[in-house]
Amino acid sequence: MLTLEKINVSYGSIRALHGISLEVKKGEIVALIGANGAGKSTTLRTISGLLKPSNKDSKITFKDVQIQGALPHKIVEMGLSHVPEGRRVFPEMSVYENLLMGAHSRKGKPGQADFERVYHHFPRLKERIKQLAGTLSGGEQQMLAMGRALMARPDLLILDEPSMGLAPMLVEEIFHIIEDINVAGTTILLVEQNAHLALEISNRAYVLETGEIVLEGLAQELATNEDIRKSYLGE
């Protein structure tokens, strides 16, 4: 469904990504793990068109179409939604209005079935549908950010640090929801600081260090790798 080939990204004279190549197959959950500053968010922002590769031989292919250089809203229209780090909900708009914004790239107005799909995964949003997004708890804002992305009916959902700043109980809930979204038919690429949980729910994973992929494989195998356990799992 998604392939990256030889992706370089620079911030001025600083090279953030060095020839990144990875693949996400239809139906998978794929995790991208690494330390802060490794280039994980840069990778996601490049996929969604917010950043551009700096090398001409780079390729980003989504559903057999090359999308490097495409405008972000065009990539959303193709079926790829990005939930950024920090949630970035519209605080002065209601939950309903935030969800409606998630469907802005689609032709025609979203139907009740679209809202019910979101409510199925996030019943708390239905209870707070008229509430201003800025008054929601951190966990509820994360649910809203994910629900807003689902309103675009994505084939691929990319998630950047969905558990950041959440209480442990809410982290568990968010991860169960991610699994449910995947089971319902949405492919997922996950960047997550909680490497243990990320590997637990993923099919495959990549390890990013200073802008380079240094390890890749089945998530269960990486979870038992001694170097991974010491560096990322705190064991």
C-alpha atoms as a PDB file:
ATOM      1  CA  MET A   1       0.000   0.000   0.000  1.00  0.00           C
ATOM      2  CA  LEU A   2       2.808   2.426   0.931  1.00  0.00           C
ATOM      3  CA  THR A   3       6.492   2.314   0.030  1.00  0.00           C
ATOM      4  CA  LEU A   4       9.289   4.764   0.699  1.00  0.00           C
ATOM      5  CA  GLU A   5      12.509   4.477  -1.287  1.00  0.00           C
ATOM      6  CA  LYS A   6      15.740   6.367  -0.628  1.00  0.00           C
ATOM      7  CA  ILE A   7      14.121   9.289   1.200  1.00  0.00           C
ATOM      8  CA  ASN A   8      16.447  12.113   2.220  1.00  0.00           C
ATOM      9  CA  VAL A   9      15.058  15.137   4.055  1.00  0.00           C
ATOM     10  CA  SER A  10      17.042  18.160   5.198  1.00  0.00           C
ATOM     11  CA  TYR A  11      16.315  21.162   7.404  1.00  0.00           C
ATOM     12  CA  GLY A  12      18.647  23.696   5.827  1.00  0.00           C
ATOM     13  CA  SER A  13      22.134  22.215   6.061  1.00  0.00           C
ATOM     14  CA  ILE A  14      21.064  19.547   8.564  1.00  0.00           C
ATOM     15  CA  ARG A  15      20.200  16.137   7.110  1.00  0.00           C
ATOM     16  CA  ALA A  16      17.283  14.666   9.075  1.00  0.00           C
ATOM     17  CA  LEU A  17      16.661  11.495   7.029  1.00  0.00           C
ATOM     18  CA  HIS A  18      19.344   9.479   5.265  1.00  0.00           C
ATOM     19  CA  GLY A  19      17.973   7.225   2.528  1.00  0.00           C
ATOM     20  CA  ILE A  20      14.926   5.937   4.392  1.00  0.00           C
ATOM     21  CA  SER A  21      13.176   2.956   2.780  1.00  0.00           C
ATOM     22  CA  LEU A  22      10.192   1.165   4.288  1.00  0.00           C
ATOM     23  CA  GLU A  23       6.959  -0.581   3.324  1.00  0.00           C
ATOM     24  CA  VAL A  24       3.470  -0.820   4.793  1.00  0.00           C
ATOM     25  CA  LYS A  25       1.264  -3.559   3.359  1.00  0.00           C
ATOM     26  CA  LYS A  26      -2.508  -3.428   3.232  1.00  0.00           C
ATOM     27  CA  GLY A  27      -4.100  -4.521   6.502  1.00  0.00           C
ATOM     28  CA  GLU A  28      -0.963  -4.210   8.624  1.00  0.00           C
ATOM     29  CA  ILE A  29      -0.048  -2.230  11.683  1.00  0.00           C
ATOM     30  CA  VAL A  30       3.569  -1.170  11.203  1.00  0.00           C
ATOM     31  CA  ALA A  31       5.492   0.559  13.994  1.00  0.00           C
ATOM     32  CA  LEU A  32       8.327   3.048  13.572  1.00  0.00           C
ATOM     33  CA  ILE A  33      10.283   3.314  16.804  1.00  0.00           C
ATOM     34  CA  GLY A  34      13.359   5.230  17.881  1.00  0.00           C
ATOM     35  CA  ALA A  35      14.694   7.806  20.310  1.00  0.00           C
ATOM     36  CA  ASN A  36      13.638  11.451  20.341  1.00  0.00           C
ATOM     37  CA  GLY A  37      15.193  13.240  17.384  1.00  0.00           C
ATOM     38  CA  ALA A  38      15.668  10.060  15.371  1.00  0.00           C
ATOM     39  CA  GLY A  39      13.510  11.372  12.516  1.00  0.00           C
ATOM     40  CA  LYS A  40      10.221   9.580  13.142  1.00  0.00           C
ATOM     41  CA  SER A  41       7.937  12.624  12.909  1.00  0.00           C
ATOM     42  CA  THR A  42       9.940  13.901   9.935  1.00  0.00           C
ATOM     43  CA  THR A  43       9.232  10.609   8.172  1.00  0.00           C
ATOM     44  CA  LEU A  44       5.478  10.915   8.755  1.00  0.00           C
ATOM     45  CA  ARG A  45       5.410  14.569   7.715  1.00  0.00           C
ATOM     46  CA  THR A  46       7.206  13.661   4.506  1.00  0.00           C
ATOM     47  CA  ILE A  47       4.733  10.901   3.722  1.00  0.00           C
ATOM     48  CA  SER A  48       1.775  13.250   4.172  1.00  0.00           C
ATOM     49  CA  GLY A  49       3.315  15.973   1.998  1.00  0.00           C
ATOM     50  CA  LEU A  50       4.146  18.480   4.735  1.00  0.00           C
ATOM     51  CA  LEU A  51       7.860  18.071   3.955  1.00  0.00           C
ATOM     52  CA  LYS A  52       9.545  17.329   0.627  1.00  0.00           C
ATOM     53  CA  PRO A  53      12.374  14.864  -0.032  1.00  0.00           C
ATOM     54  CA  SER A  54      15.623  16.637  -0.884  1.00  0.00           C
ATOM     55  CA  ASN A  55      16.876  14.067  -3.398  1.00  0.00           C
ATOM     56  CA  LYS A  56      15.544  13.552  -6.920  1.00  0.00           C
ATOM     57  CA  ASP A  57      15.791   9.744  -6.850  1.00  0.00           C
ATOM     58  CA  SER A  58      13.410   9.439  -3.880  1.00  0.00           C
ATOM     59  CA  LYS A  59      10.063   7.701  -4.277  1.00  0.00           C
ATOM     60  CA  ILE A  60       6.962   7.637  -2.097  1.00  0.00           C
ATOM     61  CA  THR A  61       4.304   5.357  -3.548  1.00  0.00           C
ATOM     62  CA  PHE A  62       0.784   5.105  -2.143  1.00  0.00           C
ATOM     63  CA  LYS A  63      -1.670   2.677  -3.733  1.00  0.00           C
ATOM     64  CA  ASP A  64       0.597   2.422  -6.822  1.00  0.00           C
ATOM     65  CA  VAL A  65       0.741   6.213  -7.326  1.00  0.00           C
ATOM     66  CA  GLN A  66       3.872   8.257  -6.647  1.00  0.00           C
ATOM     67  CA  ILE A  67       2.975  11.027  -4.210  1.00  0.00           C
ATOM     68  CA  GLN A  68       6.309  12.697  -3.395  1.00  0.00           C
ATOM     69  CA  GLY A  69       5.793  16.383  -4.056  1.00  0.00           C
ATOM     70  CA  ALA A  70       1.977  16.149  -3.973  1.00  0.00           C
ATOM     71  CA  LEU A  71       0.029  18.694  -1.935  1.00  0.00           C
ATOM     72  CA  PRO A  72      -1.097  17.456   1.514  1.00  0.00           C
ATOM     73  CA  HIS A  73      -4.830  17.846   0.799  1.00  0.00           C
ATOM     74  CA  LYS A  74      -4.466  15.815  -2.390  1.00  0.00           C
ATOM     75  CA  ILE A  75      -2.808  13.026  -0.416  1.00  0.00           C
ATOM     76  CA  VAL A  76      -5.717  13.068   2.046  1.00  0.00           C
ATOM     77  CA  GLU A  77      -8.138  12.823  -0.875  1.00  0.00           C
ATOM     78  CA  MET A  78      -6.283   9.700  -2.017  1.00  0.00           C
ATOM     79  CA  GLY A  79      -7.028   8.005   1.302  1.00  0.00           C
ATOM     80  CA  LEU A  80      -4.131   8.804   3.644  1.00  0.00           C
ATOM     81  CA  SER A  81      -4.858  10.597   6.936  1.00  0.00           C
ATOM     82  CA  HIS A  82      -2.241  11.899   9.383  1.00  0.00           C
ATOM     83  CA  VAL A  83      -2.870  12.375  13.106  1.00  0.00           C
ATOM     84  CA  PRO A  84       0.000  14.667  14.165  1.00  0.00           C
ATOM     85  CA  GLU A  85       1.880  14.727  17.423  1.00  0.00           C
ATOM     86  CA  GLY A  86       0.183  17.028  19.908  1.00  0.00           C
ATOM     87  CA  ARG A  87      -3.392  16.383  18.610  1.00  0.00           C
ATOM     88  CA  ARG A  88      -3.876  19.895  17.177  1.00  0.00           C
ATOM     89  CA  VAL A  89      -7.623  20.039  17.501  1.00  0.00           C
ATOM     90  CA  PHE A  90      -9.419  23.326  16.873  1.00  0.00           C
ATOM     91  CA  PRO A  91      -9.960  24.451  20.484  1.00  0.00           C
ATOM     92  CA  GLU A  92     -12.649  27.084  19.820  1.00  0.00           C
ATOM     93  CA  MET A  93     -14.738  24.700  17.728  1.00  0.00           C
ATOM     94  CA  SER A  94     -17.076  22.015  19.052  1.00  0.00           C
ATOM     95  CA  VAL A  95     -16.386  18.298  18.839  1.00  0.00           C
ATOM     96  CA  TYR A  96     -18.952  18.093  16.042  1.00  0.00           C
ATOM     97  CA  GLU A  97     -17.307  20.919  14.100  1.00  0.00           C
ATOM     98  CA  ASN A  98     -13.873  19.327  14.490  1.00  0.00           C
ATOM     99  CA  LEU A  99     -15.205  16.042  13.123  1.00  0.00           C
ATOM    100  CA  LEU A 100     -16.846  17.872  10.250  1.00  0.00           C
ATOM    101  CA  MET A 101     -13.481  19.435   9.369  1.00  0.00           C
ATOM    102  CA  GLY A 102     -12.067  15.947   8.997  1.00  0.00           C
ATOM    103  CA  ALA A 103     -14.382  15.334   6.056  1.00  0.00           C
ATOM    104  CA  HIS A 104     -13.642  18.611   4.244  1.00  0.00           C
ATOM    105  CA  SER A 105     -11.585  16.917   1.511  1.00  0.00           C
ATOM    106  CA  ARG A 106     -14.424  14.599   0.517  1.00  0.00           C
ATOM    107  CA  LYS A 107     -17.060  15.367  -2.072  1.00  0.00           C
ATOM    108  CA  GLY A 108     -20.455  16.043  -0.523  1.00  0.00           C
ATOM    109  CA  LYS A 109     -21.355  16.222   3.128  1.00  0.00           C
ATOM    110  CA  PRO A 110     -20.547  13.333   5.465  1.00  0.00           C
ATOM    111  CA  GLY A 111     -23.488  11.149   6.383  1.00  0.00           C
ATOM    112  CA  GLN A 112     -24.644   9.973   9.770  1.00  0.00           C
ATOM    113  CA  ALA A 113     -22.891   6.673   9.116  1.00  0.00           C
ATOM    114  CA  ASP A 114     -19.547   8.515   9.119  1.00  0.00           C
ATOM    115  CA  PHE A 115     -20.251  10.003  12.533  1.00  0.00           C
ATOM    116  CA  GLU A 116     -21.525   6.680  13.861  1.00  0.00           C
ATOM    117  CA  ARG A 117     -18.305   5.011  12.765  1.00  0.00           C
ATOM    118  CA  VAL A 118     -16.359   7.497  14.861  1.00  0.00           C
ATOM    119  CA  TYR A 119     -18.775   7.137  17.799  1.00  0.00           C
ATOM    120  CA  HIS A 120     -18.349   3.359  17.631  1.00  0.00           C
ATOM    121  CA  HIS A 121     -14.634   3.719  18.351  1.00  0.00           C
ATOM    122  CA  PHE A 122     -14.944   6.794  20.579  1.00  0.00           C
ATOM    123  CA  PRO A 123     -18.318   6.790  22.375  1.00  0.00           C
ATOM    124  CA  ARG A 124     -17.124   9.612  24.647  1.00  0.00           C
ATOM    125  CA  LEU A 125     -17.092  11.964  21.671  1.00  0.00           C
ATOM    126  CA  LYS A 126     -20.808  11.409  21.141  1.00  0.00           C
ATOM    127  CA  GLU A 127     -21.424  12.389  24.762  1.00  0.00           C
ATOM    128  CA  ARG A 128     -19.433  15.602  24.237  1.00  0.00           C
ATOM    129  CA  ILE A 129     -20.530  16.417  20.694  1.00  0.00           C
ATOM    130  CA  LYS A 130     -21.455  20.051  21.509  1.00  0.00           C
ATOM    131  CA  GLN A 131     -18.529  20.687  23.845  1.00  0.00           C
ATOM    132  CA  LEU A 132     -15.650  22.947  22.772  1.00  0.00           C
ATOM    133  CA  ALA A 133     -12.603  20.866  21.883  1.00  0.00           C
ATOM    134  CA  GLY A 134     -10.342  23.054  24.001  1.00  0.00           C
ATOM    135  CA  THR A 135     -12.225  22.033  27.150  1.00  0.00           C
ATOM    136  CA  LEU A 136     -11.710  18.293  26.614  1.00  0.00           C
ATOM    137  CA  SER A 137      -9.163  16.282  28.573  1.00  0.00           C
ATOM    138  CA  GLY A 138      -5.915  15.271  26.898  1.00  0.00           C
ATOM    139  CA  GLY A 139      -7.204  11.767  26.262  1.00  0.00           C
ATOM    140  CA  GLU A 140     -10.446  13.050  24.794  1.00  0.00           C
ATOM    141  CA  GLN A 141      -8.549  15.434  22.530  1.00  0.00           C
ATOM    142  CA  GLN A 142      -6.474  12.510  21.275  1.00  0.00           C
ATOM    143  CA  MET A 143      -9.672  10.600  20.555  1.00  0.00           C
ATOM    144  CA  LEU A 144     -11.029  13.625  18.713  1.00  0.00           C
ATOM    145  CA  ALA A 145      -7.879  13.964  16.607  1.00  0.00           C
ATOM    146  CA  MET A 146      -8.119  10.313  15.623  1.00  0.00           C
ATOM    147  CA  GLY A 147     -11.874  10.539  15.032  1.00  0.00           C
ATOM    148  CA  ARG A 148     -11.394  13.609  12.860  1.00  0.00           C
ATOM    149  CA  ALA A 149      -8.884  11.684  10.727  1.00  0.00           C
ATOM    150  CA  LEU A 150     -11.321   8.782  10.355  1.00  0.00           C
ATOM    151  CA  MET A 151     -13.948  11.146   8.943  1.00  0.00           C
ATOM    152  CA  ALA A 152     -11.872  11.256   5.746  1.00  0.00           C
ATOM    153  CA  ARG A 153     -12.445   7.487   5.363  1.00  0.00           C
ATOM    154  CA  PRO A 154      -8.707   6.737   5.087  1.00  0.00           C
ATOM    155  CA  ASP A 155      -7.261   3.519   3.730  1.00  0.00           C
ATOM    156  CA  LEU A 156      -4.055   4.315   5.631  1.00  0.00           C
ATOM    157  CA  LEU A 157      -3.945   6.105   8.986  1.00  0.00           C
ATOM    158  CA  ILE A 158      -0.584   7.402  10.217  1.00  0.00           C
ATOM    159  CA  LEU A 159      -0.379   8.160  13.927  1.00  0.00           C
ATOM    160  CA  ASP A 160       2.343  10.249  15.575  1.00  0.00           C
ATOM    161  CA  GLU A 161       2.791   9.572  19.299  1.00  0.00           C
ATOM    162  CA  PRO A 162      -0.870   8.895  20.173  1.00  0.00           C
ATOM    163  CA  SER A 163      -0.060   8.086  23.811  1.00  0.00           C
ATOM    164  CA  MET A 164       2.030  11.175  24.553  1.00  0.00           C
ATOM    165  CA  GLY A 165       1.012  12.870  27.797  1.00  0.00           C
ATOM    166  CA  LEU A 166      -1.748  10.404  28.632  1.00  0.00           C
ATOM    167  CA  ALA A 167      -2.325   8.512  31.873  1.00  0.00           C
ATOM    168  CA  PRO A 168      -1.458   4.786  31.699  1.00  0.00           C
ATOM    169  CA  MET A 169      -5.103   3.705  31.778  1.00  0.00           C
ATOM    170  CA  LEU A 170      -5.908   5.956  28.817  1.00  0.00           C
ATOM    171  CA  VAL A 171      -2.848   4.720  26.941  1.00  0.00           C
ATOM    172  CA  GLU A 172      -4.179   1.169  27.150  1.00  0.00           C
ATOM    173  CA  GLU A 173      -7.577   2.358  25.903  1.00  0.00           C
ATOM    174  CA  ILE A 174      -6.085   4.244  22.948  1.00  0.00           C
ATOM    175  CA  PHE A 175      -4.071   1.196  21.900  1.00  0.00           C
ATOM    176  CA  HIS A 176      -7.125  -1.056  22.054  1.00  0.00           C
ATOM    177  CA  ILE A 177      -8.922   1.445  19.829  1.00  0.00           C
ATOM    178  CA  ILE A 178      -6.017   1.460  17.355  1.00  0.00           C
ATOM    179  CA  GLU A 179      -6.302  -2.321  17.120  1.00  0.00           C
ATOM    180  CA  ASP A 180     -10.080  -2.056  16.596  1.00  0.00           C
ATOM    181  CA  ILE A 181      -9.624   0.502  13.815  1.00  0.00           C
ATOM    182  CA  ASN A 182      -7.184  -1.848  12.117  1.00  0.00           C
ATOM    183  CA  VAL A 183      -9.496  -4.855  12.458  1.00  0.00           C
ATOM    184  CA  ALA A 184     -12.266  -2.737  10.895  1.00  0.00           C
ATOM    185  CA  GLY A 185     -10.154  -2.410   7.743  1.00  0.00           C
ATOM    186  CA  THR A 186      -7.782   0.553   8.110  1.00  0.00           C
ATOM    187  CA  THR A 187      -4.043   0.030   7.629  1.00  0.00           C
ATOM    188  CA  ILE A 188      -1.904   1.833  10.227  1.00  0.00           C
ATOM    189  CA  LEU A 189       1.611   3.260  10.399  1.00  0.00           C
ATOM    190  CA  LEU A 190       2.392   4.059  14.028  1.00  0.00           C
ATOM    191  CA  VAL A 191       5.087   6.234  15.569  1.00  0.00           C
ATOM    192  CA  GLU A 192       5.044   5.730  19.317  1.00  0.00           C
ATOM    193  CA  GLN A 193       7.289   6.497  22.301  1.00  0.00           C
ATOM    194  CA  ASN A 194       5.924   3.465  24.166  1.00  0.00           C
ATOM    195  CA  ALA A 195       7.890   0.914  22.170  1.00  0.00           C
ATOM    196  CA  HIS A 196       6.637  -2.009  24.256  1.00  0.00           C
ATOM    197  CA  LEU A 197       2.970  -1.374  23.413  1.00  0.00           C
ATOM    198  CA  ALA A 198       3.766  -0.424  19.818  1.00  0.00           C
ATOM    199  CA  LEU A 199       5.519  -3.733  19.205  1.00  0.00           C
ATOM    200  CA  GLU A 200       2.776  -5.619  21.048  1.00  0.00           C
ATOM    201  CA  ILE A 201       0.041  -4.534  18.606  1.00  0.00           C
ATOM    202  CA  SER A 202       2.099  -4.331  15.392  1.00  0.00           C
ATOM    203  CA  ASN A 203       2.761  -6.880  12.681  1.00  0.00           C
ATOM    204  CA  ARG A 204       6.141  -5.460  11.706  1.00  0.00           C
ATOM    205  CA  ALA A 205       8.419  -2.663  12.856  1.00  0.00           C
ATOM    206  CA  TYR A 206      11.323  -0.470  11.825  1.00  0.00           C
ATOM    207  CA  VAL A 207      13.911   1.043  14.156  1.00  0.00           C
ATOM    208  CA  LEU A 208      15.131   4.535  13.268  1.00  0.00           C
ATOM    209  CA  GLU A 209      18.374   5.998  14.610  1.00  0.00           C
ATOM    210  CA  THR A 210      19.712   9.429  13.623  1.00  0.00           C
ATOM    211  CA  GLY A 211      17.734   9.420  10.389  1.00  0.00           C
ATOM    212  CA  GLU A 212      18.549   5.879   9.279  1.00  0.00           C
ATOM    213  CA  ILE A 213      16.718   2.545   9.468  1.00  0.00           C
ATOM    214  CA  VAL A 214      19.010   0.298  11.500  1.00  0.00           C
ATOM    215  CA  LEU A 215      16.692  -2.678  12.115  1.00  0.00           C
ATOM    216  CA  GLU A 216      13.468  -4.042  10.662  1.00  0.00           C
ATOM    217  CA  GLY A 217      11.465  -7.212  11.044  1.00  0.00           C
ATOM    218  CA  LEU A 218       8.492  -8.870  12.646  1.00  0.00           C
ATOM    219  CA  ALA A 219       7.399  -6.959  15.726  1.00  0.00           C
ATOM    220  CA  GLN A 220       7.486 -10.040  17.947  1.00  0.00           C
ATOM    221  CA  GLU A 221      11.065 -10.761  16.906  1.00  0.00           C
ATOM    222  CA  LEU A 222      12.212  -7.198  17.527  1.00  0.00           C
ATOM    223  CA  ALA A 223      10.530  -7.268  20.945  1.00  0.00           C
ATOM    224  CA  THR A 224      12.886 -10.096  21.952  1.00  0.00           C
ATOM    225  CA  ASN A 225      15.995  -8.508  20.428  1.00  0.00           C
ATOM    226  CA  GLU A 226      18.448  -7.803  23.261  1.00  0.00           C
ATOM    227  CA  ASP A 227      19.576  -4.431  21.892  1.00  0.00           C
ATOM    228  CA  ILE A 228      15.976  -3.292  21.396  1.00  0.00           C
ATOM    229  CA  ARG A 229      15.020  -4.421  24.896  1.00  0.00           C
ATOM    230  CA  LYS A 230      17.898  -2.447  26.426  1.00  0.00           C
ATOM    231  CA  SER A 231      17.550   0.678  24.297  1.00  0.00           C
ATOM    232  CA  TYR A 232      13.787   1.056  23.930  1.00  0.00           C
ATOM    233  CA  LEU A 233      11.985  -1.282  26.310  1.00  0.00           C
ATOM    234  CA  GLY A 234      13.856  -0.342  29.477  1.00  0.00           C
ATOM    235  CA  GLU A 235      14.927  -3.885  30.222  1.00  0.00           C
END
